Amino acid sequence: MKQDTAAKTMVIASCVYFGMALTMGLLTALKFVVPTVGEIEYLSMPRVRMMHTNLNLFGWLLQANMGVLFWVLPRILHTRLFSEKLGWRWVCCITLLLSAASLPLCSGM
């Protein structure tokens, strides 16, 4: 694999999760202004707020920090990552775990 593939993938994934968290945050703010928006069960205020918080913490902040570390540490230490494939697998693992953890939140479990 090319150098910095894991870092780029992690930063791109964090940007996608940031967009999702931003959408949930805007929906939460809209519910304060117009409480009747999204009267369906899956868009209730506690569920949307939990999704917003978890996507921000684990989807955006954790992945963005890890992506920056994957990019910065090899330059500071004057070495390469041990394995770009392992870093890329870590990106996939975090993304799958976050998606699997978000489904019960959305369904109210």
N, C-alpha and C. Protein backbone atom coordinates (compact mmCIF):
# COMPACT_ATOMS: atom_id res chain seq x y z
N MET A 1 0.84 -1.19 0.00
CA MET A 1 0.00 0.00 0.00
C MET A 1 0.88 1.25 0.00
N LYS A 2 0.32 2.33 -0.50
CA LYS A 2 1.04 3.59 -0.50
C LYS A 2 1.19 4.12 0.92
N GLN A 3 2.16 5.00 1.08
CA GLN A 3 2.36 5.63 2.37
C GLN A 3 1.19 6.56 2.66
N ASP A 4 0.79 6.63 3.91
CA ASP A 4 -0.28 7.50 4.42
C ASP A 4 -1.67 7.10 3.95
N THR A 5 -1.85 5.89 3.44
CA THR A 5 -3.19 5.44 3.05
C THR A 5 -4.11 5.35 4.26
N ALA A 6 -3.59 4.81 5.36
CA ALA A 6 -4.40 4.68 6.57
C ALA A 6 -4.78 6.05 7.12
N ALA A 7 -3.84 6.97 7.11
CA ALA A 7 -4.12 8.31 7.63
C ALA A 7 -5.18 9.02 6.79
N LYS A 8 -5.04 8.95 5.48
CA LYS A 8 -6.01 9.61 4.60
C LYS A 8 -7.39 8.99 4.75
N THR A 9 -7.44 7.66 4.81
CA THR A 9 -8.72 6.97 4.95
C THR A 9 -9.40 7.34 6.26
N MET A 10 -8.61 7.41 7.34
CA MET A 10 -9.19 7.73 8.63
C MET A 10 -9.69 9.18 8.67
N VAL A 11 -8.97 10.10 8.09
CA VAL A 11 -9.41 11.50 8.08
C VAL A 11 -10.65 11.66 7.20
N ILE A 12 -10.71 10.97 6.07
CA ILE A 12 -11.89 11.04 5.21
C ILE A 12 -13.11 10.45 5.92
N ALA A 13 -12.92 9.32 6.60
CA ALA A 13 -14.03 8.71 7.35
C ALA A 13 -14.49 9.64 8.46
N SER A 14 -13.55 10.31 9.12
CA SER A 14 -13.94 11.24 10.19
C SER A 14 -14.73 12.42 9.62
N CYS A 15 -14.39 12.86 8.44
CA CYS A 15 -15.15 13.96 7.81
C CYS A 15 -16.56 13.51 7.46
N VAL A 16 -16.72 12.28 7.02
CA VAL A 16 -18.06 11.75 6.73
C VAL A 16 -18.88 11.68 8.01
N TYR A 17 -18.28 11.17 9.09
CA TYR A 17 -19.00 11.10 10.36
C TYR A 17 -19.28 12.49 10.92
N PHE A 18 -18.40 13.46 10.65
CA PHE A 18 -18.67 14.83 11.08
C PHE A 18 -19.90 15.38 10.37
N GLY A 19 -20.04 15.08 9.09
CA GLY A 19 -21.23 15.52 8.36
C GLY A 19 -22.50 14.88 8.92
N MET A 20 -22.41 13.60 9.26
CA MET A 20 -23.57 12.93 9.85
C MET A 20 -23.91 13.52 11.22
N ALA A 21 -22.88 13.77 12.04
CA ALA A 21 -23.10 14.35 13.36
C ALA A 21 -23.65 15.77 13.25
N LEU A 22 -23.17 16.51 12.27
CA LEU A 22 -23.67 17.87 12.05
C LEU A 22 -25.15 17.83 11.68
N THR A 23 -25.54 16.88 10.85
CA THR A 23 -26.95 16.73 10.48
C THR A 23 -27.80 16.41 11.71
N MET A 24 -27.31 15.51 12.55
CA MET A 24 -28.05 15.17 13.78
C MET A 24 -28.13 16.38 14.71
N GLY A 25 -27.06 17.16 14.79
CA GLY A 25 -27.07 18.36 15.63
C GLY A 25 -28.04 19.41 15.11
N LEU A 26 -28.09 19.58 13.79
CA LEU A 26 -29.04 20.53 13.22
C LEU A 26 -30.48 20.07 13.43
N LEU A 27 -30.70 18.76 13.35
CA LEU A 27 -32.04 18.23 13.62
C LEU A 27 -32.42 18.45 15.08
N THR A 28 -31.46 18.28 15.99
CA THR A 28 -31.71 18.53 17.41
C THR A 28 -32.06 20.00 17.64
N ALA A 29 -31.29 20.89 17.03
CA ALA A 29 -31.56 22.32 17.18
C ALA A 29 -32.92 22.69 16.58
N LEU A 30 -33.26 22.07 15.46
CA LEU A 30 -34.55 22.33 14.83
C LEU A 30 -35.69 21.86 15.71
N LYS A 31 -35.48 20.77 16.45
CA LYS A 31 -36.53 20.27 17.34
C LYS A 31 -36.78 21.23 18.50
N PHE A 32 -35.77 22.01 18.90
CA PHE A 32 -36.00 23.02 19.94
C PHE A 32 -36.85 24.17 19.42
N VAL A 33 -36.70 24.49 18.15
CA VAL A 33 -37.45 25.60 17.57
C VAL A 33 -38.85 25.14 17.16
N VAL A 34 -38.92 24.00 16.47
CA VAL A 34 -40.20 23.45 15.99
C VAL A 34 -40.33 22.03 16.55
N PRO A 35 -40.95 21.87 17.73
CA PRO A 35 -40.99 20.55 18.38
C PRO A 35 -41.73 19.47 17.60
N THR A 36 -42.57 19.84 16.65
CA THR A 36 -43.34 18.84 15.92
C THR A 36 -42.60 18.29 14.70
N VAL A 37 -41.36 18.71 14.47
CA VAL A 37 -40.59 18.20 13.33
C VAL A 37 -40.21 16.75 13.61
N GLY A 38 -40.41 15.90 12.65
CA GLY A 38 -40.01 14.51 12.79
C GLY A 38 -40.76 13.80 13.90
N GLU A 39 -42.05 13.71 13.77
CA GLU A 39 -42.88 13.07 14.78
C GLU A 39 -42.74 11.56 14.82
N ILE A 40 -41.92 10.99 13.95
CA ILE A 40 -41.77 9.54 13.96
C ILE A 40 -40.86 9.13 15.11
N GLU A 41 -40.98 7.89 15.50
CA GLU A 41 -40.30 7.37 16.68
C GLU A 41 -38.78 7.44 16.56
N TYR A 42 -38.25 7.20 15.39
CA TYR A 42 -36.81 7.14 15.21
C TYR A 42 -36.14 8.50 15.28
N LEU A 43 -36.91 9.56 15.16
CA LEU A 43 -36.36 10.91 15.22
C LEU A 43 -36.73 11.61 16.52
N SER A 44 -36.99 10.83 17.58
CA SER A 44 -37.30 11.46 18.87
C SER A 44 -36.05 12.14 19.42
N MET A 45 -36.27 13.12 20.26
CA MET A 45 -35.17 13.96 20.75
C MET A 45 -34.06 13.18 21.46
N PRO A 46 -34.36 12.27 22.38
CA PRO A 46 -33.26 11.56 23.05
C PRO A 46 -32.42 10.71 22.09
N ARG A 47 -33.05 10.08 21.13
CA ARG A 47 -32.31 9.25 20.19
C ARG A 47 -31.41 10.08 19.29
N VAL A 48 -31.94 11.17 18.80
CA VAL A 48 -31.15 12.03 17.91
C VAL A 48 -29.99 12.65 18.69
N ARG A 49 -30.24 13.05 19.93
CA ARG A 49 -29.18 13.65 20.75
C ARG A 49 -28.07 12.64 21.05
N MET A 50 -28.44 11.40 21.36
CA MET A 50 -27.42 10.37 21.61
C MET A 50 -26.63 10.06 20.36
N MET A 51 -27.31 9.99 19.22
CA MET A 51 -26.60 9.75 17.96
C MET A 51 -25.63 10.89 17.68
N HIS A 52 -26.06 12.12 17.90
CA HIS A 52 -25.22 13.29 17.67
C HIS A 52 -23.97 13.23 18.56
N THR A 53 -24.15 12.91 19.83
CA THR A 53 -23.03 12.86 20.76
C THR A 53 -22.06 11.74 20.40
N ASN A 54 -22.57 10.56 20.15
CA ASN A 54 -21.70 9.43 19.85
C ASN A 54 -20.98 9.59 18.51
N LEU A 55 -21.67 10.12 17.52
CA LEU A 55 -21.00 10.34 16.23
C LEU A 55 -19.91 11.40 16.34
N ASN A 56 -20.14 12.42 17.16
CA ASN A 56 -19.10 13.42 17.35
C ASN A 56 -17.90 12.86 18.10
N LEU A 57 -18.15 12.14 19.18
CA LEU A 57 -17.05 11.63 20.00
C LEU A 57 -16.26 10.54 19.30
N PHE A 58 -16.96 9.53 18.82
CA PHE A 58 -16.26 8.36 18.29
C PHE A 58 -16.06 8.41 16.78
N GLY A 59 -16.96 9.03 16.08
CA GLY A 59 -16.84 9.08 14.63
C GLY A 59 -15.92 10.19 14.16
N TRP A 60 -16.08 11.36 14.75
CA TRP A 60 -15.29 12.49 14.27
C TRP A 60 -14.01 12.68 15.08
N LEU A 61 -14.13 12.89 16.39
CA LEU A 61 -12.95 13.23 17.18
C LEU A 61 -11.94 12.09 17.26
N LEU A 62 -12.39 10.89 17.57
CA LEU A 62 -11.46 9.76 17.68
C LEU A 62 -10.78 9.47 16.36
N GLN A 63 -11.56 9.40 15.29
CA GLN A 63 -10.96 9.06 14.00
C GLN A 63 -10.09 10.17 13.45
N ALA A 64 -10.47 11.42 13.66
CA ALA A 64 -9.63 12.52 13.18
C ALA A 64 -8.30 12.55 13.93
N ASN A 65 -8.35 12.35 15.24
CA ASN A 65 -7.11 12.32 16.02
C ASN A 65 -6.22 11.15 15.62
N MET A 66 -6.82 9.98 15.43
CA MET A 66 -6.02 8.82 15.01
C MET A 66 -5.43 9.03 13.62
N GLY A 67 -6.20 9.62 12.71
CA GLY A 67 -5.70 9.88 11.37
C GLY A 67 -4.53 10.86 11.38
N VAL A 68 -4.65 11.90 12.20
CA VAL A 68 -3.55 12.86 12.31
C VAL A 68 -2.33 12.20 12.94
N LEU A 69 -2.55 11.35 13.93
CA LEU A 69 -1.41 10.63 14.54
C LEU A 69 -0.76 9.69 13.54
N PHE A 70 -1.57 9.02 12.72
CA PHE A 70 -1.00 8.14 11.69
C PHE A 70 -0.16 8.93 10.69
N TRP A 71 -0.47 10.19 10.51
CA TRP A 71 0.28 11.02 9.57
C TRP A 71 1.49 11.68 10.24
N VAL A 72 1.31 12.17 11.49
CA VAL A 72 2.37 12.95 12.15
C VAL A 72 3.48 12.07 12.71
N LEU A 73 3.13 10.97 13.37
CA LEU A 73 4.14 10.17 14.07
C LEU A 73 5.25 9.65 13.16
N PRO A 74 4.97 9.15 11.97
CA PRO A 74 6.09 8.72 11.12
C PRO A 74 7.03 9.87 10.75
N ARG A 75 6.51 11.07 10.65
CA ARG A 75 7.36 12.21 10.31
C ARG A 75 8.20 12.66 11.50
N ILE A 76 7.62 12.62 12.69
CA ILE A 76 8.37 13.01 13.88
C ILE A 76 9.45 11.98 14.21
N LEU A 77 9.09 10.71 14.09
CA LEU A 77 10.01 9.63 14.47
C LEU A 77 10.94 9.21 13.34
N HIS A 78 10.79 9.80 12.15
CA HIS A 78 11.62 9.48 10.98
C HIS A 78 11.60 7.99 10.66
N THR A 79 10.41 7.44 10.63
CA THR A 79 10.23 6.02 10.31
C THR A 79 8.90 5.86 9.58
N ARG A 80 8.59 4.65 9.20
CA ARG A 80 7.30 4.37 8.57
C ARG A 80 6.39 3.68 9.57
N LEU A 81 5.11 3.67 9.26
CA LEU A 81 4.19 2.89 10.09
C LEU A 81 4.57 1.42 10.00
N PHE A 82 4.29 0.67 11.05
CA PHE A 82 4.61 -0.75 11.05
C PHE A 82 3.92 -1.45 9.89
N SER A 83 2.65 -1.12 9.68
CA SER A 83 1.90 -1.75 8.60
C SER A 83 0.75 -0.84 8.18
N GLU A 84 0.78 -0.41 6.94
CA GLU A 84 -0.33 0.39 6.41
C GLU A 84 -1.61 -0.44 6.35
N LYS A 85 -1.46 -1.73 6.04
CA LYS A 85 -2.64 -2.61 5.98
C LYS A 85 -3.30 -2.73 7.34
N LEU A 86 -2.49 -2.83 8.38
CA LEU A 86 -3.04 -2.92 9.74
C LEU A 86 -3.75 -1.62 10.11
N GLY A 87 -3.19 -0.50 9.72
CA GLY A 87 -3.86 0.78 9.96
C GLY A 87 -5.17 0.89 9.20
N TRP A 88 -5.16 0.40 7.96
CA TRP A 88 -6.39 0.44 7.16
C TRP A 88 -7.44 -0.49 7.75
N ARG A 89 -7.01 -1.64 8.26
CA ARG A 89 -7.96 -2.56 8.92
C ARG A 89 -8.53 -1.93 10.18
N TRP A 90 -7.70 -1.16 10.89
CA TRP A 90 -8.17 -0.46 12.08
C TRP A 90 -9.26 0.55 11.70
N VAL A 91 -9.09 1.23 10.59
CA VAL A 91 -10.11 2.17 10.10
C VAL A 91 -11.41 1.42 9.84
N CYS A 92 -11.32 0.30 9.15
CA CYS A 92 -12.53 -0.49 8.85
C CYS A 92 -13.18 -1.01 10.12
N CYS A 93 -12.37 -1.45 11.07
CA CYS A 93 -12.89 -1.98 12.33
C CYS A 93 -13.63 -0.90 13.12
N ILE A 94 -13.04 0.28 13.23
CA ILE A 94 -13.69 1.38 13.95
C ILE A 94 -14.99 1.78 13.26
N THR A 95 -14.97 1.83 11.93
CA THR A 95 -16.16 2.22 11.19
C THR A 95 -17.28 1.20 11.38
N LEU A 96 -16.94 -0.07 11.30
CA LEU A 96 -17.95 -1.12 11.50
C LEU A 96 -18.48 -1.11 12.93
N LEU A 97 -17.61 -0.94 13.91
CA LEU A 97 -18.05 -0.91 15.30
C LEU A 97 -18.95 0.30 15.57
N LEU A 98 -18.61 1.43 15.01
CA LEU A 98 -19.44 2.62 15.21
C LEU A 98 -20.80 2.45 14.54
N SER A 99 -20.82 1.86 13.37
CA SER A 99 -22.09 1.61 12.69
C SER A 99 -22.93 0.60 13.47
N ALA A 100 -22.28 -0.45 13.99
CA ALA A 100 -23.01 -1.45 14.77
C ALA A 100 -23.51 -0.89 16.09
N ALA A 101 -22.77 0.05 16.68
CA ALA A 101 -23.21 0.65 17.94
C ALA A 101 -24.30 1.69 17.72
N SER A 102 -24.37 2.26 16.53
CA SER A 102 -25.38 3.29 16.26
C SER A 102 -26.76 2.70 16.00
N LEU A 103 -26.81 1.49 15.49
CA LEU A 103 -28.12 0.87 15.19
C LEU A 103 -28.98 0.69 16.43
N PRO A 104 -28.46 0.16 17.56
CA PRO A 104 -29.32 0.07 18.74
C PRO A 104 -29.75 1.43 19.29
N LEU A 105 -28.89 2.44 19.15
CA LEU A 105 -29.28 3.78 19.60
C LEU A 105 -30.45 4.30 18.79
N CYS A 106 -30.40 4.04 17.50
CA CYS A 106 -31.46 4.53 16.61
C CYS A 106 -32.77 3.78 16.84
N SER A 107 -32.66 2.51 17.20
CA SER A 107 -33.88 1.72 17.39
C SER A 107 -34.42 1.80 18.82
N GLY A 108 -33.70 2.47 19.72
CA GLY A 108 -34.22 2.67 21.07
C GLY A 108 -33.86 1.60 22.06
N MET A 109 -32.88 0.79 21.77
CA MET A 109 -32.48 -0.27 22.71
C MET A 109 -31.60 0.29 23.80
